[in-house]
Amino acid sequence: MSFLDAMRQRYTTKKYEPGRKLEPEQREALKEILRLCPSSINSQPWRFTFVNNPETKKQLAEASFFNDQKVLDCDTLVIFSRINDLATFENQLLSGTHPTAHGYYKKFLEPLGAEKVKAWFDKQVYLAIGVFLSACADMQIDSTPMEGIDPNKYDEILNQKHHTSLVAVAIGHRALDDANQLSIKPKARLPLDEVIKSI
């Protein structure tokens, strides 16, 4: 299947088949894909947490509002978090990137203040989410991105000290009666000429 065909066939899964597992190699491939994701100035201000443990999933489900059943039934829940501590980020930047990246951060980002820097971190995490969802589609893994979570409770459950949960993505295999699948509810997108401009 081509990547274009994979994107045409992907949709946001609303109901998972509990007990149906992904192959371990698929999870490992997704972990490496996330590690390789692009970010501005190679900043990588993120953490990706793969949760398979049933008890932890149950706790996270209780902090997932109307997404609770997806969390319980999916094979794996992946939590996308951003660095919340600027000192931790700067140490990471100094130890892992080219000196020009640190110079860019000091000159253009740090002066904006903590809240705007953290908003910039969020944008980098969302780049990774896009890559991840696309990779899942290409690997024929069903997925559900979910902002409907309680970040504070997620952080407490995951014992995150220097990171903040932003989005959880359920991955696994759709249930046969998932009402959101394309055979029941066709994909709805704006016409090409409304979203693409060629000059």
N, C-alpha and C. Protein backbone atom coordinates (compact mmCIF):
# COMPACT_ATOMS: atom_id res chain seq x y z
N MET A 1 0.83 -1.19 0.00
CA MET A 1 0.00 0.00 0.00
C MET A 1 0.87 1.25 0.00
N SER A 2 0.52 2.22 -0.83
CA SER A 2 1.28 3.46 -0.85
C SER A 2 0.92 4.29 0.38
N PHE A 3 1.77 5.27 0.68
CA PHE A 3 1.50 6.15 1.82
C PHE A 3 0.21 6.92 1.59
N LEU A 4 -0.03 7.37 0.35
CA LEU A 4 -1.26 8.08 0.04
C LEU A 4 -2.48 7.21 0.33
N ASP A 5 -2.42 5.94 -0.09
CA ASP A 5 -3.53 5.02 0.19
C ASP A 5 -3.72 4.83 1.70
N ALA A 6 -2.60 4.74 2.42
CA ALA A 6 -2.69 4.58 3.88
C ALA A 6 -3.40 5.77 4.52
N MET A 7 -3.10 6.97 4.06
CA MET A 7 -3.73 8.16 4.61
C MET A 7 -5.20 8.25 4.22
N ARG A 8 -5.52 7.77 3.04
CA ARG A 8 -6.92 7.74 2.63
C ARG A 8 -7.74 6.78 3.49
N GLN A 9 -7.09 5.73 3.99
CA GLN A 9 -7.81 4.71 4.73
C GLN A 9 -7.80 4.92 6.24
N ARG A 10 -6.91 5.80 6.75
CA ARG A 10 -6.88 6.01 8.20
C ARG A 10 -8.08 6.81 8.66
N TYR A 11 -8.48 6.58 9.87
CA TYR A 11 -9.53 7.37 10.50
C TYR A 11 -9.29 7.28 12.00
N THR A 12 -9.98 8.12 12.75
CA THR A 12 -9.84 8.10 14.20
C THR A 12 -10.72 7.00 14.77
N THR A 13 -10.09 6.00 15.32
CA THR A 13 -10.81 4.85 15.85
C THR A 13 -11.52 5.23 17.15
N LYS A 14 -12.78 4.82 17.24
CA LYS A 14 -13.58 5.14 18.43
C LYS A 14 -13.81 3.93 19.33
N LYS A 15 -13.57 2.74 18.78
CA LYS A 15 -13.80 1.54 19.59
C LYS A 15 -12.77 0.48 19.22
N TYR A 16 -12.10 -0.05 20.22
CA TYR A 16 -11.03 -1.03 20.00
C TYR A 16 -11.49 -2.43 20.37
N GLU A 17 -10.84 -3.41 19.76
CA GLU A 17 -11.09 -4.80 20.11
C GLU A 17 -10.17 -5.18 21.26
N PRO A 18 -10.71 -5.28 22.47
CA PRO A 18 -9.84 -5.57 23.62
C PRO A 18 -9.23 -6.95 23.50
N GLY A 19 -7.99 -7.05 23.92
CA GLY A 19 -7.30 -8.34 23.89
C GLY A 19 -6.57 -8.61 22.59
N ARG A 20 -6.86 -7.88 21.53
CA ARG A 20 -6.13 -8.09 20.29
C ARG A 20 -4.86 -7.25 20.33
N LYS A 21 -3.72 -7.92 20.22
CA LYS A 21 -2.43 -7.29 20.48
C LYS A 21 -1.70 -6.89 19.20
N LEU A 22 -0.92 -5.82 19.32
CA LEU A 22 0.05 -5.49 18.30
C LEU A 22 1.25 -6.43 18.44
N GLU A 23 1.98 -6.55 17.35
CA GLU A 23 3.23 -7.30 17.42
C GLU A 23 4.27 -6.47 18.18
N PRO A 24 5.09 -7.08 19.02
CA PRO A 24 6.12 -6.32 19.74
C PRO A 24 7.02 -5.52 18.80
N GLU A 25 7.30 -6.08 17.61
CA GLU A 25 8.15 -5.37 16.65
C GLU A 25 7.50 -4.07 16.17
N GLN A 26 6.17 -4.05 16.12
CA GLN A 26 5.48 -2.83 15.70
C GLN A 26 5.66 -1.73 16.74
N ARG A 27 5.52 -2.10 18.01
CA ARG A 27 5.73 -1.10 19.07
C ARG A 27 7.16 -0.58 19.06
N GLU A 28 8.11 -1.48 18.88
CA GLU A 28 9.52 -1.06 18.87
C GLU A 28 9.80 -0.15 17.69
N ALA A 29 9.21 -0.45 16.54
CA ALA A 29 9.39 0.42 15.37
C ALA A 29 8.81 1.81 15.63
N LEU A 30 7.64 1.86 16.26
CA LEU A 30 7.04 3.16 16.56
C LEU A 30 7.89 3.96 17.55
N LYS A 31 8.51 3.28 18.49
CA LYS A 31 9.40 3.97 19.43
C LYS A 31 10.57 4.61 18.69
N GLU A 32 11.15 3.87 17.77
CA GLU A 32 12.28 4.41 17.02
C GLU A 32 11.85 5.54 16.09
N ILE A 33 10.65 5.41 15.51
CA ILE A 33 10.12 6.50 14.67
C ILE A 33 9.98 7.77 15.50
N LEU A 34 9.47 7.65 16.71
CA LEU A 34 9.34 8.84 17.57
C LEU A 34 10.71 9.42 17.91
N ARG A 35 11.66 8.57 18.18
CA ARG A 35 13.02 9.05 18.49
C ARG A 35 13.59 9.86 17.33
N LEU A 36 13.21 9.51 16.11
CA LEU A 36 13.76 10.15 14.91
C LEU A 36 12.94 11.36 14.46
N CYS A 37 11.90 11.71 15.18
CA CYS A 37 11.03 12.81 14.75
C CYS A 37 11.78 14.14 14.67
N PRO A 38 11.36 14.99 13.73
CA PRO A 38 11.98 16.31 13.61
C PRO A 38 11.48 17.27 14.67
N SER A 39 12.32 18.23 15.02
CA SER A 39 11.93 19.33 15.90
C SER A 39 12.80 20.53 15.57
N SER A 40 12.25 21.72 15.80
CA SER A 40 12.99 22.94 15.51
C SER A 40 14.29 22.97 16.31
N ILE A 41 15.37 23.36 15.69
CA ILE A 41 16.74 23.39 16.22
C ILE A 41 17.12 22.08 16.90
N ASN A 42 16.49 21.00 16.47
CA ASN A 42 16.74 19.67 17.06
C ASN A 42 16.53 19.71 18.58
N SER A 43 15.52 20.46 19.00
CA SER A 43 15.31 20.71 20.43
C SER A 43 14.82 19.49 21.20
N GLN A 44 13.98 18.66 20.59
CA GLN A 44 13.48 17.43 21.21
C GLN A 44 12.97 17.64 22.65
N PRO A 45 12.07 18.61 22.85
CA PRO A 45 11.62 18.91 24.22
C PRO A 45 10.48 18.01 24.67
N TRP A 46 10.68 16.70 24.60
CA TRP A 46 9.57 15.77 24.76
C TRP A 46 9.93 14.50 25.50
N ARG A 47 8.89 13.76 25.82
CA ARG A 47 9.01 12.39 26.31
C ARG A 47 7.78 11.64 25.79
N PHE A 48 8.00 10.38 25.40
CA PHE A 48 6.93 9.53 24.90
C PHE A 48 6.84 8.30 25.80
N THR A 49 5.71 8.10 26.41
CA THR A 49 5.54 7.00 27.37
C THR A 49 4.56 5.97 26.80
N PHE A 50 5.04 4.73 26.61
CA PHE A 50 4.22 3.64 26.10
C PHE A 50 3.69 2.84 27.30
N VAL A 51 2.38 2.75 27.41
CA VAL A 51 1.76 2.09 28.56
C VAL A 51 0.99 0.86 28.10
N ASN A 52 1.41 -0.30 28.58
CA ASN A 52 0.72 -1.57 28.34
C ASN A 52 0.17 -2.17 29.63
N ASN A 53 0.73 -1.77 30.75
CA ASN A 53 0.36 -2.35 32.03
C ASN A 53 -1.13 -2.11 32.32
N PRO A 54 -1.92 -3.17 32.52
CA PRO A 54 -3.37 -3.02 32.71
C PRO A 54 -3.75 -2.13 33.89
N GLU A 55 -3.03 -2.23 35.00
CA GLU A 55 -3.36 -1.42 36.17
C GLU A 55 -3.10 0.06 35.90
N THR A 56 -1.98 0.35 35.23
CA THR A 56 -1.68 1.75 34.90
C THR A 56 -2.69 2.28 33.90
N LYS A 57 -3.06 1.46 32.91
CA LYS A 57 -4.09 1.88 31.95
C LYS A 57 -5.41 2.17 32.65
N LYS A 58 -5.74 1.36 33.65
CA LYS A 58 -6.99 1.58 34.39
C LYS A 58 -6.94 2.92 35.12
N GLN A 59 -5.82 3.24 35.74
CA GLN A 59 -5.68 4.53 36.42
C GLN A 59 -5.78 5.68 35.43
N LEU A 60 -5.12 5.54 34.28
CA LEU A 60 -5.15 6.60 33.26
C LEU A 60 -6.55 6.74 32.67
N ALA A 61 -7.25 5.62 32.52
CA ALA A 61 -8.62 5.67 32.00
C ALA A 61 -9.51 6.53 32.90
N GLU A 62 -9.30 6.44 34.20
CA GLU A 62 -10.09 7.23 35.14
C GLU A 62 -9.79 8.72 35.04
N ALA A 63 -8.69 9.06 34.38
CA ALA A 63 -8.32 10.47 34.17
C ALA A 63 -8.47 10.87 32.71
N SER A 64 -9.32 10.12 31.98
CA SER A 64 -9.45 10.35 30.54
C SER A 64 -10.86 10.72 30.11
N PHE A 65 -11.70 11.13 31.04
CA PHE A 65 -13.05 11.61 30.73
C PHE A 65 -13.80 10.61 29.85
N PHE A 66 -14.34 11.08 28.71
CA PHE A 66 -15.13 10.21 27.82
C PHE A 66 -14.26 9.27 26.98
N ASN A 67 -12.95 9.37 27.12
CA ASN A 67 -12.04 8.47 26.39
C ASN A 67 -11.67 7.23 27.19
N ASP A 68 -12.30 7.04 28.33
CA ASP A 68 -11.87 5.97 29.24
C ASP A 68 -11.91 4.58 28.60
N GLN A 69 -12.94 4.27 27.84
CA GLN A 69 -13.05 2.92 27.28
C GLN A 69 -11.98 2.66 26.22
N LYS A 70 -11.63 3.69 25.45
CA LYS A 70 -10.55 3.53 24.47
C LYS A 70 -9.23 3.21 25.16
N VAL A 71 -8.99 3.88 26.27
CA VAL A 71 -7.75 3.64 27.02
C VAL A 71 -7.73 2.20 27.55
N LEU A 72 -8.84 1.73 28.03
CA LEU A 72 -8.91 0.37 28.59
C LEU A 72 -8.76 -0.70 27.50
N ASP A 73 -9.37 -0.46 26.33
CA ASP A 73 -9.45 -1.51 25.31
C ASP A 73 -8.31 -1.52 24.31
N CYS A 74 -7.61 -0.41 24.15
CA CYS A 74 -6.53 -0.36 23.16
C CYS A 74 -5.37 -1.26 23.61
N ASP A 75 -4.52 -1.60 22.67
CA ASP A 75 -3.35 -2.40 23.02
C ASP A 75 -2.36 -1.59 23.85
N THR A 76 -2.09 -0.37 23.40
CA THR A 76 -1.07 0.48 24.03
C THR A 76 -1.55 1.92 24.04
N LEU A 77 -1.29 2.60 25.13
CA LEU A 77 -1.55 4.03 25.22
C LEU A 77 -0.21 4.74 25.20
N VAL A 78 -0.06 5.69 24.29
CA VAL A 78 1.19 6.45 24.18
C VAL A 78 0.91 7.88 24.62
N ILE A 79 1.63 8.33 25.64
CA ILE A 79 1.44 9.68 26.16
C ILE A 79 2.56 10.57 25.63
N PHE A 80 2.16 11.68 25.03
CA PHE A 80 3.09 12.67 24.48
C PHE A 80 3.20 13.81 25.48
N SER A 81 4.40 14.01 26.01
CA SER A 81 4.63 15.03 27.03
C SER A 81 5.73 15.98 26.58
N ARG A 82 5.65 17.20 27.10
CA ARG A 82 6.71 18.16 26.83
C ARG A 82 7.47 18.47 28.10
N ILE A 83 8.72 18.87 27.92
CA ILE A 83 9.52 19.29 29.07
C ILE A 83 8.84 20.49 29.71
N ASN A 84 8.75 20.47 31.02
CA ASN A 84 8.10 21.54 31.75
C ASN A 84 9.09 22.38 32.54
N ASP A 85 10.32 21.93 32.58
CA ASP A 85 11.35 22.58 33.39
C ASP A 85 12.41 23.16 32.45
N LEU A 86 12.53 24.49 32.42
CA LEU A 86 13.43 25.12 31.45
C LEU A 86 14.90 24.80 31.72
N ALA A 87 15.25 24.65 32.98
CA ALA A 87 16.64 24.30 33.31
C ALA A 87 16.98 22.91 32.77
N THR A 88 16.05 21.97 32.92
CA THR A 88 16.25 20.62 32.37
C THR A 88 16.41 20.68 30.87
N PHE A 89 15.57 21.49 30.22
CA PHE A 89 15.66 21.61 28.76
C PHE A 89 16.99 22.20 28.35
N GLU A 90 17.44 23.25 29.02
CA GLU A 90 18.69 23.88 28.62
C GLU A 90 19.88 22.93 28.81
N ASN A 91 19.87 22.17 29.87
CA ASN A 91 20.93 21.17 30.06
C ASN A 91 20.92 20.13 28.96
N GLN A 92 19.72 19.71 28.57
CA GLN A 92 19.59 18.75 27.47
C GLN A 92 20.10 19.35 26.17
N LEU A 93 19.75 20.61 25.95
CA LEU A 93 20.17 21.29 24.72
C LEU A 93 21.69 21.41 24.66
N LEU A 94 22.29 21.77 25.78
CA LEU A 94 23.75 21.92 25.82
C LEU A 94 24.47 20.60 25.60
N SER A 95 23.89 19.51 26.09
CA SER A 95 24.59 18.22 26.01
C SER A 95 24.34 17.47 24.72
N GLY A 96 23.29 17.84 23.97
CA GLY A 96 22.93 17.00 22.85
C GLY A 96 22.86 17.63 21.48
N THR A 97 23.04 18.93 21.36
CA THR A 97 22.86 19.55 20.05
C THR A 97 24.06 20.41 19.68
N HIS A 98 24.00 20.92 18.47
CA HIS A 98 25.05 21.79 17.96
C HIS A 98 25.04 23.12 18.72
N PRO A 99 26.19 23.74 18.95
CA PRO A 99 26.22 25.00 19.70
C PRO A 99 25.32 26.10 19.14
N THR A 100 25.11 26.11 17.82
CA THR A 100 24.25 27.15 17.25
C THR A 100 22.82 27.01 17.75
N ALA A 101 22.38 25.79 18.07
CA ALA A 101 21.02 25.59 18.59
C ALA A 101 20.89 26.27 19.95
N HIS A 102 21.90 26.10 20.79
CA HIS A 102 21.85 26.75 22.10
C HIS A 102 21.88 28.26 21.95
N GLY A 103 22.68 28.75 21.02
CA GLY A 103 22.72 30.19 20.77
C GLY A 103 21.38 30.73 20.30
N TYR A 104 20.71 29.98 19.44
CA TYR A 104 19.38 30.39 18.95
C TYR A 104 18.39 30.46 20.12
N TYR A 105 18.45 29.44 20.96
CA TYR A 105 17.54 29.41 22.11
C TYR A 105 17.77 30.63 23.01
N LYS A 106 19.02 30.93 23.33
CA LYS A 106 19.34 32.04 24.23
C LYS A 106 18.94 33.39 23.63
N LYS A 107 19.11 33.52 22.31
CA LYS A 107 18.87 34.81 21.67
C LYS A 107 17.41 35.05 21.34
N PHE A 108 16.73 34.01 20.84
CA PHE A 108 15.39 34.23 20.29
C PHE A 108 14.25 33.65 21.13
N LEU A 109 14.52 32.61 21.89
CA LEU A 109 13.43 31.95 22.61
C LEU A 109 13.38 32.32 24.09
N GLU A 110 14.48 32.19 24.79
CA GLU A 110 14.50 32.46 26.22
C GLU A 110 13.95 33.84 26.57
N PRO A 111 14.28 34.89 25.78
CA PRO A 111 13.75 36.22 26.13
C PRO A 111 12.23 36.34 26.05
N LEU A 112 11.57 35.39 25.40
CA LEU A 112 10.11 35.44 25.28
C LEU A 112 9.41 35.15 26.60
N GLY A 113 10.11 34.52 27.54
CA GLY A 113 9.51 34.16 28.81
C GLY A 113 9.07 32.71 28.83
N ALA A 114 8.90 32.17 30.03
CA ALA A 114 8.67 30.74 30.21
C ALA A 114 7.42 30.24 29.50
N GLU A 115 6.32 30.98 29.60
CA GLU A 115 5.07 30.49 29.03
C GLU A 115 5.13 30.37 27.51
N LYS A 116 5.75 31.35 26.86
CA LYS A 116 5.86 31.29 25.40
C LYS A 116 6.86 30.22 24.97
N VAL A 117 7.89 30.01 25.75
CA VAL A 117 8.83 28.94 25.43
C VAL A 117 8.13 27.59 25.55
N LYS A 118 7.32 27.41 26.58
CA LYS A 118 6.60 26.15 26.74
C LYS A 118 5.58 25.95 25.62
N ALA A 119 4.97 27.03 25.15
CA ALA A 119 4.05 26.93 24.01
C ALA A 119 4.82 26.49 22.76
N TRP A 120 6.05 26.96 22.64
CA TRP A 120 6.91 26.53 21.52
C TRP A 120 7.26 25.05 21.66
N PHE A 121 7.50 24.61 22.88
CA PHE A 121 7.73 23.18 23.13
C PHE A 121 6.52 22.36 22.66
N ASP A 122 5.33 22.85 23.00
CA ASP A 122 4.11 22.13 22.61
C ASP A 122 4.06 21.91 21.10
N LYS A 123 4.45 22.93 20.34
CA LYS A 123 4.43 22.81 18.88
C LYS A 123 5.35 21.70 18.40
N GLN A 124 6.48 21.54 19.06
CA GLN A 124 7.41 20.48 18.66
C GLN A 124 6.80 19.11 18.93
N VAL A 125 6.11 18.98 20.07
CA VAL A 125 5.46 17.71 20.40
C VAL A 125 4.38 17.38 19.37
N TYR A 126 3.64 18.40 18.92
CA TYR A 126 2.60 18.15 17.94
C TYR A 126 3.18 17.73 16.59
N LEU A 127 4.38 18.18 16.27
CA LEU A 127 5.05 17.66 15.08
C LEU A 127 5.23 16.14 15.20
N ALA A 128 5.66 15.71 16.38
CA ALA A 128 5.87 14.27 16.61
C ALA A 128 4.55 13.50 16.56
N ILE A 129 3.48 14.10 17.05
CA ILE A 129 2.17 13.44 16.99
C ILE A 129 1.76 13.20 15.54
N GLY A 130 1.98 14.21 14.69
CA GLY A 130 1.65 14.04 13.27
C GLY A 130 2.44 12.92 12.62
N VAL A 131 3.73 12.87 12.92
CA VAL A 131 4.56 11.79 12.38
C VAL A 131 4.06 10.44 12.89
N PHE A 132 3.74 10.37 14.17
CA PHE A 132 3.30 9.12 14.79
C PHE A 132 2.01 8.61 14.17
N LEU A 133 1.02 9.48 14.02
CA LEU A 133 -0.26 9.07 13.43
C LEU A 133 -0.07 8.60 11.99
N SER A 134 0.80 9.28 11.26
CA SER A 134 1.08 8.88 9.88
C SER A 134 1.78 7.53 9.83
N ALA A 135 2.71 7.31 10.76
CA ALA A 135 3.41 6.03 10.82
C ALA A 135 2.43 4.91 11.14
N CYS A 136 1.52 5.16 12.07
CA CYS A 136 0.51 4.15 12.39
C CYS A 136 -0.31 3.80 11.16
N ALA A 137 -0.73 4.81 10.42
CA ALA A 137 -1.51 4.56 9.20
C ALA A 137 -0.72 3.72 8.22
N ASP A 138 0.54 4.04 8.05
CA ASP A 138 1.39 3.32 7.11
C ASP A 138 1.59 1.87 7.53
N MET A 139 1.58 1.63 8.86
CA MET A 139 1.77 0.28 9.40
C MET A 139 0.44 -0.45 9.62
N GLN A 140 -0.66 0.18 9.21
CA GLN A 140 -2.01 -0.36 9.37
C GLN A 140 -2.35 -0.65 10.84
N ILE A 141 -1.95 0.29 11.67
CA ILE A 141 -2.28 0.27 13.10
C ILE A 141 -3.33 1.34 13.33
N ASP A 142 -4.41 1.00 13.99
CA ASP A 142 -5.46 1.97 14.28
C ASP A 142 -5.02 2.88 15.42
N SER A 143 -5.49 4.13 15.38
CA SER A 143 -5.04 5.10 16.38
C SER A 143 -6.12 6.12 16.70
N THR A 144 -6.00 6.70 17.88
CA THR A 144 -6.93 7.72 18.35
C THR A 144 -6.17 8.78 19.14
N PRO A 145 -5.94 9.96 18.57
CA PRO A 145 -5.34 11.04 19.37
C PRO A 145 -6.38 11.64 20.30
N MET A 146 -5.98 11.88 21.57
CA MET A 146 -6.94 12.33 22.57
C MET A 146 -6.37 13.46 23.41
N GLU A 147 -6.95 14.65 23.26
CA GLU A 147 -6.63 15.74 24.17
C GLU A 147 -7.53 15.69 25.41
N GLY A 148 -8.55 14.87 25.35
CA GLY A 148 -9.50 14.75 26.45
C GLY A 148 -8.93 13.92 27.60
N ILE A 149 -7.91 14.45 28.24
CA ILE A 149 -7.28 13.81 29.39
C ILE A 149 -7.04 14.86 30.46
N ASP A 150 -6.83 14.42 31.67
CA ASP A 150 -6.48 15.33 32.76
C ASP A 150 -4.95 15.31 32.92
N PRO A 151 -4.25 16.32 32.37
CA PRO A 151 -2.78 16.28 32.39
C PRO A 151 -2.18 16.15 33.78
N ASN A 152 -2.76 16.84 34.75
CA ASN A 152 -2.20 16.78 36.10
C ASN A 152 -2.28 15.38 36.68
N LYS A 153 -3.41 14.72 36.49
CA LYS A 153 -3.57 13.36 36.99
C LYS A 153 -2.67 12.39 36.23
N TYR A 154 -2.55 12.59 34.91
CA TYR A 154 -1.64 11.76 34.12
C TYR A 154 -0.23 11.88 34.66
N ASP A 155 0.21 13.11 34.89
CA ASP A 155 1.57 13.33 35.38
C ASP A 155 1.79 12.65 36.73
N GLU A 156 0.77 12.72 37.58
CA GLU A 156 0.87 12.09 38.90
C GLU A 156 0.98 10.57 38.76
N ILE A 157 0.14 9.99 37.90
CA ILE A 157 0.15 8.53 37.70
C ILE A 157 1.48 8.08 37.09
N LEU A 158 2.01 8.86 36.15
CA LEU A 158 3.26 8.51 35.47
C LEU A 158 4.49 8.95 36.26
N ASN A 159 4.27 9.64 37.37
CA ASN A 159 5.36 10.13 38.22
C ASN A 159 6.30 11.03 37.42
N GLN A 160 5.71 11.93 36.65
CA GLN A 160 6.50 12.86 35.84
C GLN A 160 6.83 14.10 36.66
N LYS A 161 8.11 14.40 36.78
CA LYS A 161 8.55 15.55 37.57
C LYS A 161 8.91 16.74 36.69
N HIS A 162 9.50 16.47 35.54
CA HIS A 162 9.99 17.56 34.68
C HIS A 162 9.26 17.63 33.34
N HIS A 163 8.20 16.86 33.19
CA HIS A 163 7.43 16.85 31.94
C HIS A 163 5.95 17.00 32.24
N THR A 164 5.20 17.46 31.23
CA THR A 164 3.76 17.63 31.34
C THR A 164 3.07 16.90 30.20
N SER A 165 2.08 16.08 30.53
CA SER A 165 1.31 15.35 29.52
C SER A 165 0.48 16.33 28.68
N LEU A 166 0.50 16.13 27.38
CA LEU A 166 -0.29 16.97 26.47
C LEU A 166 -1.40 16.18 25.79
N VAL A 167 -1.03 15.06 25.20
CA VAL A 167 -1.96 14.27 24.39
C VAL A 167 -1.67 12.79 24.62
N ALA A 168 -2.71 11.99 24.66
CA ALA A 168 -2.55 10.54 24.68
C ALA A 168 -3.04 9.99 23.35
N VAL A 169 -2.35 8.99 22.83
CA VAL A 169 -2.78 8.34 21.59
C VAL A 169 -2.97 6.84 21.87
N ALA A 170 -4.20 6.39 21.70
CA ALA A 170 -4.50 4.96 21.81
C ALA A 170 -4.13 4.30 20.48
N ILE A 171 -3.49 3.13 20.55
CA ILE A 171 -3.19 2.37 19.34
C ILE A 171 -3.57 0.91 19.55
N GLY A 172 -3.94 0.27 18.46
CA GLY A 172 -4.35 -1.13 18.53
C GLY A 172 -5.10 -1.52 17.28
N HIS A 173 -6.15 -2.33 17.47
CA HIS A 173 -6.97 -2.82 16.36
C HIS A 173 -8.42 -2.45 16.61
N ARG A 174 -9.05 -1.87 15.61
CA ARG A 174 -10.44 -1.45 15.72
C ARG A 174 -11.37 -2.63 16.00
N ALA A 175 -12.46 -2.35 16.69
CA ALA A 175 -13.52 -3.34 16.85
C ALA A 175 -14.30 -3.44 15.54
N LEU A 176 -14.83 -4.61 15.25
CA LEU A 176 -15.57 -4.81 14.02
C LEU A 176 -16.80 -3.92 13.93
N ASP A 177 -17.35 -3.55 15.09
CA ASP A 177 -18.55 -2.71 15.10
C ASP A 177 -18.24 -1.24 15.41
N ASP A 178 -16.99 -0.83 15.21
CA ASP A 178 -16.64 0.59 15.41
C ASP A 178 -17.43 1.43 14.42
N ALA A 179 -18.31 2.27 14.93
CA ALA A 179 -19.21 3.05 14.07
C ALA A 179 -18.51 4.18 13.33
N ASN A 180 -17.25 4.45 13.67
CA ASN A 180 -16.54 5.55 13.01
C ASN A 180 -15.74 5.08 11.80
N GLN A 181 -15.66 3.78 11.55
CA GLN A 181 -14.85 3.29 10.43
C GLN A 181 -15.45 3.73 9.10
N LEU A 182 -14.60 3.81 8.09
CA LEU A 182 -14.96 4.46 6.84
C LEU A 182 -16.08 3.75 6.09
N SER A 183 -16.22 2.46 6.28
CA SER A 183 -17.32 1.75 5.61
C SER A 183 -18.68 2.17 6.15
N ILE A 184 -18.70 2.77 7.34
CA ILE A 184 -19.94 3.23 7.95
C ILE A 184 -20.04 4.76 7.89
N LYS A 185 -18.93 5.42 8.16
CA LYS A 185 -18.91 6.89 8.20
C LYS A 185 -17.76 7.36 7.31
N PRO A 186 -18.04 7.69 6.05
CA PRO A 186 -16.98 8.08 5.11
C PRO A 186 -16.18 9.29 5.61
N LYS A 187 -14.92 9.33 5.20
CA LYS A 187 -14.03 10.43 5.58
C LYS A 187 -14.57 11.75 5.05
N ALA A 188 -14.55 12.78 5.86
CA ALA A 188 -15.02 14.11 5.45
C ALA A 188 -13.84 15.07 5.48
N ARG A 189 -13.46 15.59 4.32
CA ARG A 189 -12.39 16.56 4.23
C ARG A 189 -12.81 17.69 3.29
N LEU A 190 -12.27 18.87 3.51
CA LEU A 190 -12.55 19.99 2.63
C LEU A 190 -12.01 19.70 1.24
N PRO A 191 -12.62 20.29 0.20
CA PRO A 191 -12.12 20.08 -1.16
C PRO A 191 -10.68 20.57 -1.30
N LEU A 192 -9.94 19.93 -2.18
CA LEU A 192 -8.52 20.23 -2.38
C LEU A 192 -8.29 21.71 -2.65
N ASP A 193 -9.12 22.30 -3.54
CA ASP A 193 -8.87 23.69 -3.92
C ASP A 193 -9.20 24.69 -2.82
N GLU A 194 -9.82 24.22 -1.72
CA GLU A 194 -10.09 25.09 -0.58
C GLU A 194 -8.94 25.10 0.43
N VAL A 195 -8.10 24.07 0.40
CA VAL A 195 -7.03 23.99 1.39
C VAL A 195 -5.63 24.04 0.78
N ILE A 196 -5.53 23.92 -0.54
CA ILE A 196 -4.24 23.96 -1.20
C ILE A 196 -4.21 25.12 -2.18
N LYS A 197 -3.17 25.92 -2.11
CA LYS A 197 -2.97 27.01 -3.05
C LYS A 197 -1.63 26.78 -3.75
N SER A 198 -1.65 26.82 -5.05
CA SER A 198 -0.41 26.65 -5.84
C SER A 198 -0.09 27.97 -6.54
N ILE A 199 1.17 28.38 -6.45
CA ILE A 199 1.58 29.66 -7.04
C ILE A 199 2.64 29.40 -8.11
